[in-house]
Amino acid sequence: MNALQTRLQILRSADSITHQAESICQRTISKFVTPENEKKYTMLITHLAMAVTRMERSEELYPPPEEIMNEIYSSSCIEEANQRVKWIEREMGSSLPKEEREFLLMHFVTVLSA
């Protein structure tokens, strides 16, 4: 898990992500990532860090393509992905905007089905 933590430290030191983004990512890593699956989580953790930062900085949000989300919502992993996104929202103490929620669902389904 050192690679993910190093990535977060680099993003934080460059002021590319906020302290809160780094913190929620660290907790997500602790909850879901193991040494065996760390590489699968690279895109998810990076996206989560940037998503939280975009929200805090009130930047414009864009949804994933509808065609991709149709596939994601039909995945056998969607329930587990939903539970994990809900966990992140509880840790944050707020709901994610639909755009960011869908991207995280996409990343979790990808990780869980790999």
Protein backbone atom coordinates (compact mmCIF):
# COMPACT_ATOMS: atom_id res chain seq x y z
CA MET A 1 0.00 0.00 0.00
CA ASN A 2 3.06 2.19 -0.01
CA ALA A 3 2.60 3.07 -3.70
CA LEU A 4 -0.88 4.47 -3.11
CA GLN A 5 0.21 6.40 -0.05
CA THR A 6 3.23 7.78 -1.91
CA ARG A 7 0.95 8.85 -4.76
CA LEU A 8 -1.29 10.71 -2.29
CA GLN A 9 1.69 12.41 -0.65
CA ILE A 10 2.94 13.61 -4.04
CA LEU A 11 -0.49 14.95 -4.99
CA ARG A 12 -0.82 16.67 -1.60
CA SER A 13 2.66 18.21 -1.69
CA ALA A 14 1.89 19.64 -5.15
CA ASP A 15 -1.40 21.05 -3.77
CA SER A 16 -3.27 18.96 -6.36
CA ILE A 17 -5.50 17.51 -3.63
CA THR A 18 -6.79 18.85 -0.33
CA HIS A 19 -6.08 17.59 3.16
CA GLN A 20 -9.62 16.19 3.41
CA ALA A 21 -9.16 14.36 0.09
CA GLU A 22 -5.93 12.79 1.34
CA SER A 23 -7.58 11.83 4.62
CA ILE A 24 -10.61 10.11 3.07
CA CYS A 25 -8.33 8.27 0.66
CA GLN A 26 -6.13 7.05 3.51
CA ARG A 27 -9.19 5.69 5.31
CA THR A 28 -10.44 4.07 2.09
CA ILE A 29 -7.08 2.40 1.59
CA SER A 30 -7.14 1.10 5.16
CA LYS A 31 -10.67 -0.25 4.73
CA PHE A 32 -10.53 -1.88 1.28
CA VAL A 33 -6.98 -2.23 -0.02
CA THR A 34 -4.66 -5.14 0.64
CA PRO A 35 -1.13 -5.68 -0.66
CA GLU A 36 -2.56 -8.21 -3.12
CA ASN A 37 -5.11 -5.84 -4.68
CA GLU A 38 -3.29 -2.50 -4.35
CA LYS A 39 -2.60 -2.07 -8.08
CA LYS A 40 -6.29 -2.53 -8.89
CA TYR A 41 -7.12 0.47 -6.67
CA THR A 42 -4.76 2.99 -8.27
CA MET A 43 -7.37 4.64 -10.49
CA LEU A 44 -10.08 4.53 -7.82
CA ILE A 45 -7.95 6.19 -5.13
CA THR A 46 -6.66 8.81 -7.56
CA HIS A 47 -10.19 9.59 -8.73
CA LEU A 48 -11.50 9.75 -5.16
CA ALA A 49 -8.75 12.22 -4.20
CA MET A 50 -9.48 14.42 -7.18
CA ALA A 51 -13.26 14.15 -6.71
CA VAL A 52 -13.16 15.31 -3.10
CA THR A 53 -10.82 18.12 -4.10
CA ARG A 54 -13.10 19.21 -6.98
CA MET A 55 -16.05 19.26 -4.59
CA GLU A 56 -14.18 21.32 -1.99
CA ARG A 57 -12.97 23.76 -4.63
CA SER A 58 -16.44 24.02 -6.21
CA GLU A 59 -15.11 22.96 -9.60
CA GLU A 60 -17.40 21.83 -12.40
CA LEU A 61 -18.32 18.14 -12.35
CA TYR A 62 -18.89 15.90 -15.35
CA PRO A 63 -20.70 12.54 -15.34
CA PRO A 64 -19.33 9.37 -16.92
CA PRO A 65 -20.89 8.37 -20.26
CA GLU A 66 -24.41 6.98 -19.94
CA GLU A 67 -23.50 3.88 -22.00
CA ILE A 68 -20.79 2.95 -19.51
CA MET A 69 -23.07 3.53 -16.55
CA ASN A 70 -25.72 1.26 -18.09
CA GLU A 71 -23.12 -1.53 -18.05
CA ILE A 72 -22.05 -0.66 -14.51
CA TYR A 73 -25.62 -0.73 -13.16
CA SER A 74 -26.14 -4.19 -14.69
CA SER A 75 -22.98 -5.62 -13.11
CA SER A 76 -23.22 -8.37 -10.53
CA CYS A 77 -20.88 -6.25 -8.38
CA ILE A 78 -23.10 -3.15 -8.25
CA GLU A 79 -24.53 -3.86 -4.77
CA GLU A 80 -21.08 -4.22 -3.20
CA ALA A 81 -19.90 -1.13 -5.09
CA ASN A 82 -22.90 0.81 -3.74
CA GLN A 83 -22.11 -0.29 -0.19
CA ARG A 84 -18.52 0.88 -0.56
CA VAL A 85 -19.55 4.27 -1.94
CA LYS A 86 -22.03 4.64 0.94
CA TRP A 87 -19.19 3.88 3.36
CA ILE A 88 -17.13 6.69 1.78
CA GLU A 89 -20.08 9.06 2.10
CA ARG A 90 -20.46 8.17 5.79
CA GLU A 91 -16.74 8.77 6.33
CA MET A 92 -17.03 12.13 4.58
CA GLY A 93 -20.15 13.07 6.49
CA SER A 94 -21.93 14.10 3.29
CA SER A 95 -23.35 12.72 0.09
CA LEU A 96 -21.38 12.75 -3.11
CA PRO A 97 -22.77 14.56 -6.14
CA LYS A 98 -24.31 12.15 -8.66
CA GLU A 99 -21.44 12.68 -11.12
CA GLU A 100 -18.74 11.70 -8.64
CA ARG A 101 -20.84 8.92 -7.14
CA GLU A 102 -21.20 7.31 -10.57
CA PHE A 103 -17.47 7.51 -11.27
CA LEU A 104 -16.72 5.84 -7.95
CA LEU A 105 -19.31 3.14 -8.66
CA MET A 106 -17.60 2.56 -12.00
CA HIS A 107 -14.18 2.24 -10.37
CA PHE A 108 -15.41 -0.06 -7.60
CA VAL A 109 -17.23 -2.33 -10.07
CA THR A 110 -14.03 -2.50 -12.13
CA VAL A 111 -11.96 -3.42 -9.05
CA LEU A 112 -14.48 -5.93 -7.75
CA SER A 113 -14.97 -7.70 -11.07
CA ALA A 114 -11.26 -7.92 -11.93
